[in-house]
Amino acid sequence: MSSEGEKKRVQFRAPQGLVDRADTLAAVFETDRTDILISALQEYLRDAAHSDEMKQEIAEAYYDDNITFDELKALVGHEEAANFRLLKQQLSEAFVDDVVEELADG
């Protein structure tokens, strides 16, 4: 995961109307489109970290090993990530215990 100060060039296509609105807002605030897009992305990610629905999606990605703990931590913060990691460990241990019990009964 790169540090917050490190810059990375990205390129994407967006609807013309959306780009025009970003450019207009940039003119109002006497800045450039990049600053507007960065601010919007930061706000979206901040909101995602506080949305229960989004946090559940993020947690599921972590439980399914689609994202790493460091990526999880970057999205939801250290404390929340630690809680998800603990739950993942507990779920894994419970699964193993259930399988062992089933094998013992069978």
Protein backbone atom coordinates (compact mmCIF):
# COMPACT_ATOMS: atom_id res chain seq x y z
CA MET A 1 0.00 0.00 0.00
CA SER A 2 1.48 3.36 -0.96
CA SER A 3 1.77 6.20 1.50
CA GLU A 4 -0.68 9.10 1.46
CA GLY A 5 1.99 11.57 0.23
CA GLU A 6 3.09 9.44 -2.70
CA LYS A 7 1.35 10.30 -5.98
CA LYS A 8 0.19 7.87 -8.65
CA ARG A 9 -1.10 8.86 -12.06
CA VAL A 10 -4.52 7.45 -12.91
CA GLN A 11 -6.57 7.77 -16.02
CA PHE A 12 -10.28 7.03 -16.45
CA ARG A 13 -13.24 7.94 -18.58
CA ALA A 14 -16.17 9.81 -17.06
CA PRO A 15 -19.42 11.20 -18.43
CA GLN A 16 -18.88 14.62 -20.06
CA GLY A 17 -21.50 16.28 -17.85
CA LEU A 18 -19.75 15.07 -14.70
CA VAL A 19 -16.39 16.38 -15.90
CA ASP A 20 -17.99 19.70 -16.85
CA ARG A 21 -19.47 20.03 -13.35
CA ALA A 22 -16.10 19.24 -11.77
CA ASP A 23 -14.44 21.87 -13.99
CA THR A 24 -17.09 24.46 -13.04
CA LEU A 25 -16.59 23.74 -9.34
CA ALA A 26 -12.83 23.98 -9.81
CA ALA A 27 -13.28 27.43 -11.38
CA VAL A 28 -15.46 28.54 -8.46
CA PHE A 29 -12.83 27.47 -5.94
CA GLU A 30 -9.94 28.63 -8.13
CA THR A 31 -8.33 25.22 -8.22
CA ASP A 32 -8.07 22.46 -10.78
CA ARG A 33 -10.11 19.40 -11.69
CA THR A 34 -7.64 17.07 -9.99
CA ASP A 35 -8.17 18.73 -6.60
CA ILE A 36 -11.94 18.47 -6.99
CA LEU A 37 -11.76 14.79 -7.95
CA ILE A 38 -9.36 13.98 -5.12
CA SER A 39 -11.65 15.71 -2.62
CA ALA A 40 -14.67 13.85 -3.96
CA LEU A 41 -12.87 10.51 -3.80
CA GLN A 42 -11.64 11.18 -0.25
CA GLU A 43 -15.18 12.03 0.85
CA TYR A 44 -16.59 8.91 -0.81
CA LEU A 45 -14.02 6.68 0.89
CA ARG A 46 -14.62 8.38 4.25
CA ASP A 47 -18.37 7.83 3.88
CA ALA A 48 -17.81 4.21 2.83
CA ALA A 49 -15.84 3.57 6.00
CA HIS A 50 -18.85 4.72 8.06
CA SER A 51 -21.60 2.99 6.09
CA ASP A 52 -22.69 -0.26 7.73
CA GLU A 53 -23.63 -1.72 4.34
CA MET A 54 -20.27 -0.82 2.82
CA LYS A 55 -18.38 -2.08 5.88
CA GLN A 56 -20.18 -5.40 5.53
CA GLU A 57 -19.09 -5.67 1.88
CA ILE A 58 -15.53 -4.77 2.84
CA ALA A 59 -15.55 -7.32 5.68
CA GLU A 60 -16.81 -10.04 3.33
CA ALA A 61 -14.00 -9.27 0.90
CA TYR A 62 -11.53 -9.66 3.77
CA TYR A 63 -13.14 -12.89 5.01
CA ASP A 64 -12.96 -14.27 1.46
CA ASP A 65 -9.26 -13.25 1.24
CA ASN A 66 -9.94 -10.81 -1.59
CA ILE A 67 -8.21 -7.99 0.30
CA THR A 68 -5.35 -8.03 2.79
CA PHE A 69 -5.47 -6.87 6.39
CA ASP A 70 -3.49 -3.75 5.45
CA GLU A 71 -6.01 -2.92 2.73
CA LEU A 72 -8.85 -3.53 5.18
CA LYS A 73 -7.18 -1.24 7.72
CA ALA A 74 -6.78 1.52 5.11
CA LEU A 75 -10.51 1.36 4.36
CA VAL A 76 -12.08 1.05 7.81
CA GLY A 77 -9.38 2.09 10.27
CA HIS A 78 -7.18 0.10 12.62
CA GLU A 79 -9.71 -0.61 15.39
CA GLU A 80 -12.48 -1.81 13.06
CA ALA A 81 -9.98 -3.87 11.05
CA ALA A 82 -8.70 -5.51 14.23
CA ASN A 83 -12.28 -6.45 15.14
CA PHE A 84 -12.82 -7.98 11.70
CA ARG A 85 -9.56 -9.92 11.96
CA LEU A 86 -10.55 -11.30 15.36
CA LEU A 87 -13.96 -12.34 14.05
CA LYS A 88 -12.35 -14.00 11.03
CA GLN A 89 -10.07 -16.00 13.32
CA GLN A 90 -12.98 -16.98 15.54
CA LEU A 91 -15.05 -18.06 12.56
CA SER A 92 -12.15 -20.14 11.22
CA GLU A 93 -11.63 -21.79 14.60
CA ALA A 94 -15.36 -22.49 14.94
CA PHE A 95 -15.38 -24.10 11.48
CA VAL A 96 -12.43 -26.34 12.37
CA ASP A 97 -14.09 -27.28 15.68
CA ASP A 98 -17.33 -28.16 13.85
CA VAL A 99 -15.51 -30.33 11.33
CA VAL A 100 -13.57 -32.13 14.06
CA GLU A 101 -16.81 -32.74 15.96
CA GLU A 102 -18.56 -34.05 12.83
CA LEU A 103 -15.66 -36.40 12.12
CA ALA A 104 -15.70 -37.65 15.72
CA ASP A 105 -19.45 -38.29 15.53
CA GLY A 106 -19.18 -39.98 12.14
